[in-house]
Protein backbone atom coordinates (compact mmCIF):
# COMPACT_ATOMS: atom_id res chain seq x y z
CA MET A 1 -28.62 21.42 -185.26
CA ALA A 2 -28.03 24.43 -183.06
CA ALA A 3 -31.69 24.42 -181.90
CA VAL A 4 -31.37 20.71 -180.93
CA VAL A 5 -28.09 21.40 -178.99
CA GLY A 6 -29.72 24.50 -177.36
CA MET A 7 -32.71 22.33 -176.23
CA ALA A 8 -30.48 19.63 -174.99
CA LEU A 9 -28.53 22.26 -172.83
CA LEU A 10 -31.76 23.82 -171.50
CA ALA A 11 -33.50 20.56 -170.65
CA PRO A 12 -31.60 19.91 -167.37
CA LEU A 13 -32.58 23.42 -166.22
CA VAL A 14 -36.36 23.01 -166.82
CA PRO A 15 -37.97 21.15 -163.91
CA SER A 16 -40.06 18.10 -164.60
CA ALA A 17 -43.80 18.29 -163.93
CA ALA A 18 -43.28 16.26 -160.70
CA GLN A 19 -40.54 18.59 -159.53
CA ALA A 20 -42.68 21.69 -160.21
CA THR A 21 -45.65 20.18 -158.37
CA ALA A 22 -43.49 19.36 -155.34
CA ARG A 23 -42.07 22.82 -155.27
CA LEU A 24 -45.57 24.39 -155.55
CA ALA A 25 -46.92 22.12 -152.73
CA THR A 26 -44.62 23.92 -150.23
CA PRO A 27 -44.67 27.64 -150.81
CA TYR A 28 -41.88 29.72 -149.24
CA VAL A 29 -42.86 32.16 -146.53
CA THR A 30 -41.01 35.10 -145.09
CA LEU A 31 -42.18 36.89 -141.92
CA HIS A 32 -41.54 40.35 -140.72
CA ILE A 33 -43.03 41.70 -137.46
CA GLU A 34 -44.38 45.07 -138.44
CA SER A 35 -45.35 46.26 -134.99
CA VAL A 36 -45.61 45.12 -131.39
CA ASN A 37 -47.80 47.08 -129.02
CA GLY A 38 -48.89 46.38 -125.39
CA SER A 39 -47.97 46.00 -121.75
CA GLY A 40 -47.20 42.23 -122.38
CA CYS A 41 -44.58 42.84 -125.05
CA PRO A 42 -42.22 45.68 -124.41
CA ASN A 43 -40.09 46.83 -127.44
CA GLY A 44 -37.76 44.02 -128.55
CA SER A 45 -39.37 41.23 -126.48
CA SER A 46 -41.12 39.40 -129.36
CA VAL A 47 -39.65 37.37 -132.23
CA GLY A 48 -41.33 35.66 -135.13
CA THR A 49 -39.90 32.77 -137.24
CA SER A 50 -41.20 30.26 -139.74
CA VAL A 51 -40.69 26.49 -139.54
CA PRO A 52 -38.56 24.73 -142.23
CA ASP A 53 -41.58 23.35 -144.13
CA ASP A 54 -43.53 26.66 -143.99
CA THR A 55 -46.67 24.91 -142.57
CA ALA A 56 -46.44 27.01 -139.50
CA PHE A 57 -44.74 29.99 -137.85
CA THR A 58 -44.15 31.01 -134.32
CA VAL A 59 -44.17 34.13 -132.21
CA SER A 60 -42.22 34.04 -128.94
CA PHE A 61 -42.67 36.47 -126.06
CA SER A 62 -39.93 36.90 -123.46
CA GLN A 63 -41.66 39.25 -120.90
CA PHE A 64 -45.31 38.44 -121.05
CA ARG A 65 -46.00 37.81 -117.37
CA VAL A 66 -49.10 38.85 -115.26
CA ASN A 67 -49.47 38.72 -111.48
CA GLY A 68 -52.69 38.38 -109.60
CA GLY A 69 -55.23 41.25 -109.75
CA ASN A 70 -53.80 42.46 -113.14
CA TYR A 71 -53.85 41.86 -116.85
CA LYS A 72 -51.57 42.48 -119.83
CA SER A 73 -52.08 42.37 -123.53
CA CYS A 74 -50.08 42.45 -126.75
CA VAL A 75 -51.04 43.15 -130.26
CA VAL A 76 -48.52 41.88 -132.85
CA SER A 77 -48.86 42.77 -136.59
CA ILE A 78 -46.98 40.29 -138.89
CA ASN A 79 -46.28 40.65 -142.58
CA VAL A 80 -46.54 37.10 -144.01
CA ALA A 81 -45.12 37.22 -147.46
CA VAL A 82 -46.39 34.38 -149.70
CA PRO A 83 -45.53 33.59 -153.31
CA ALA A 84 -47.74 34.85 -156.16
CA GLY A 85 -50.61 32.61 -156.88
CA TRP A 86 -50.93 31.33 -153.32
CA THR A 87 -52.91 32.16 -150.24
CA TYR A 88 -53.15 30.76 -146.70
CA ALA A 89 -55.43 30.47 -143.70
CA VAL A 90 -54.63 30.03 -140.10
CA TYR A 91 -56.44 26.82 -139.12
CA GLN A 92 -55.02 26.30 -135.62
CA VAL A 93 -53.23 28.33 -132.97
CA ASN A 94 -51.37 26.88 -129.98
CA ASN A 95 -50.52 29.12 -126.95
CA ARG A 96 -48.03 27.95 -124.31
CA GLY A 97 -46.87 29.28 -121.01
CA TYR A 98 -46.56 28.67 -117.33
CA GLY A 99 -48.93 29.37 -114.43
CA VAL A 100 -48.74 29.44 -110.71
CA LEU A 101 -52.20 29.94 -109.33
CA ASP A 102 -53.05 29.79 -105.57
CA ALA A 103 -56.25 28.07 -104.50
CA GLY A 104 -59.24 30.25 -105.50
CA ALA A 105 -57.20 32.19 -108.14
CA SER A 106 -57.79 31.97 -111.81
CA GLY A 107 -55.85 32.76 -114.91
CA ARG A 108 -57.41 33.53 -118.30
CA ILE A 109 -55.94 33.71 -121.86
CA ILE A 110 -57.95 35.45 -124.56
CA MET A 111 -56.65 35.18 -128.11
CA ASN A 112 -57.85 36.77 -131.36
CA SER A 113 -56.26 36.72 -134.77
CA TRP A 114 -57.33 38.33 -138.06
CA PHE A 115 -56.08 39.72 -141.43
CA THR A 116 -55.96 43.52 -141.34
CA GLY A 117 -59.29 44.91 -142.59
CA PHE A 118 -61.10 41.56 -142.27
CA PRO A 119 -63.11 39.73 -139.47
CA TRP A 120 -61.47 37.49 -136.97
CA THR A 121 -60.05 34.32 -138.22
CA LEU A 122 -59.68 32.72 -134.71
CA ARG A 123 -60.95 33.49 -131.25
CA ALA A 124 -60.20 31.49 -128.10
CA ASP A 125 -60.87 32.14 -124.46
CA GLN A 126 -59.68 29.66 -121.79
CA THR A 127 -59.47 29.84 -117.98
CA PHE A 128 -57.23 27.90 -115.63
CA ARG A 129 -58.17 27.51 -111.93
CA GLY A 130 -55.93 27.25 -108.88
CA PRO A 131 -54.37 25.49 -107.26
CA TYR A 132 -52.16 25.16 -110.37
CA ASP A 133 -48.32 25.15 -110.81
CA ASP A 134 -47.36 23.80 -114.27
CA PHE A 135 -46.95 24.50 -117.96
CA TRP A 136 -50.21 25.12 -119.73
CA GLN A 137 -51.23 24.98 -123.37
CA THR A 138 -54.27 26.05 -125.29
CA THR A 139 -55.33 24.85 -128.86
CA SER A 140 -57.73 26.97 -130.84
CA ASN A 141 -59.19 25.60 -134.17
CA ALA A 142 -60.90 27.68 -136.78
CA GLY A 143 -64.59 26.79 -137.24
CA SER A 144 -64.32 27.70 -140.87
CA LEU A 145 -61.17 28.81 -142.77
CA THR A 146 -60.71 32.48 -143.65
CA TYR A 147 -58.00 32.85 -146.30
CA ALA A 148 -55.78 35.92 -146.75
CA PRO A 149 -56.83 37.93 -149.80
CA CYS A 150 -55.19 36.80 -153.03
CA GLY A 151 -52.85 39.34 -154.66
CA ALA A 152 -53.24 41.81 -151.81
CA SER A 153 -51.09 42.63 -148.80
CA ALA A 154 -52.92 42.12 -145.53
CA ASN A 155 -50.97 41.75 -142.34
CA LEU A 156 -51.87 39.04 -139.90
CA THR A 157 -52.68 40.49 -136.45
CA LEU A 158 -52.45 38.55 -133.14
CA ASN A 159 -53.96 39.87 -129.91
CA ASN A 160 -53.24 37.95 -126.76
CA THR A 161 -54.48 39.04 -123.30
CA LEU A 162 -53.63 37.43 -120.00
CA ARG A 163 -55.73 38.10 -116.92
CA VAL A 164 -55.16 36.75 -113.32
CA ALA A 165 -57.68 37.05 -110.60
CA GLY A 166 -56.41 36.39 -107.06
CA PRO A 167 -53.51 37.29 -104.81
CA SER A 168 -50.32 38.83 -106.28
CA THR A 169 -48.53 35.56 -105.60
CA SER A 170 -50.51 34.03 -108.39
CA SER A 171 -49.16 34.51 -111.96
CA MET A 172 -49.51 33.36 -115.56
CA GLU A 173 -47.10 33.92 -118.41
CA LEU A 174 -47.14 33.52 -122.20
CA PHE A 175 -43.42 32.77 -122.35
CA ALA A 176 -40.90 30.77 -124.36
CA GLN A 177 -39.48 28.24 -121.89
CA ASP A 178 -37.42 25.12 -122.44
CA LEU A 179 -37.12 25.96 -126.15
CA ARG A 180 -40.92 25.81 -126.41
CA VAL A 181 -42.23 28.85 -128.32
CA SER A 182 -45.16 30.89 -126.96
CA THR A 183 -47.54 30.85 -129.90
CA ILE A 184 -47.61 28.61 -132.97
CA PHE A 185 -49.75 29.42 -136.06
CA HIS A 186 -50.59 26.38 -138.24
CA LEU A 187 -51.24 27.21 -141.94
CA GLN A 188 -53.38 25.74 -144.66
CA TRP A 189 -52.21 26.63 -148.17
CA ARG A 190 -54.24 26.88 -151.38
CA GLN A 191 -53.75 28.24 -154.86
CA CYS A 192 -55.60 31.48 -155.79
């Protein structure tokens, strides 16, 4: 009798198979920026956050602006903590910013991302030509998915470089404006 009562009390605490599957389909992610280095991201000028459903996370830059005849870069190392038994790949990266390019000027964004100790997962290189005075966005898709190693800690590294050729009145920025974040990493999940 005690065993039956004990089981009856525990039953509401044990999730059903459907509840367990739903919970496993959306692993919980925590982010911690380990390091930020570069002329485009002085100390304290970058912030990383995850989105509520953990299908993406963002990195926002507040001082990443380049004037003509110059370039800046930033390397951000992010610890992405995932639950045991899961791994992820970055399948798409969106970069956003603003550009003011005079006629004949050009602005270029070069983006690389990789897991520490592994080859690049994504690389993108896009050029904007003046005259230009507007928001810009680039979308980079992975040709094939490279997953983080299962059961090992490998930081995700992001390297962005902005270059502007032309007069000093031309500029480009990788900057969070109008509540739009600078960089969005879209994640693909799988069980190990």
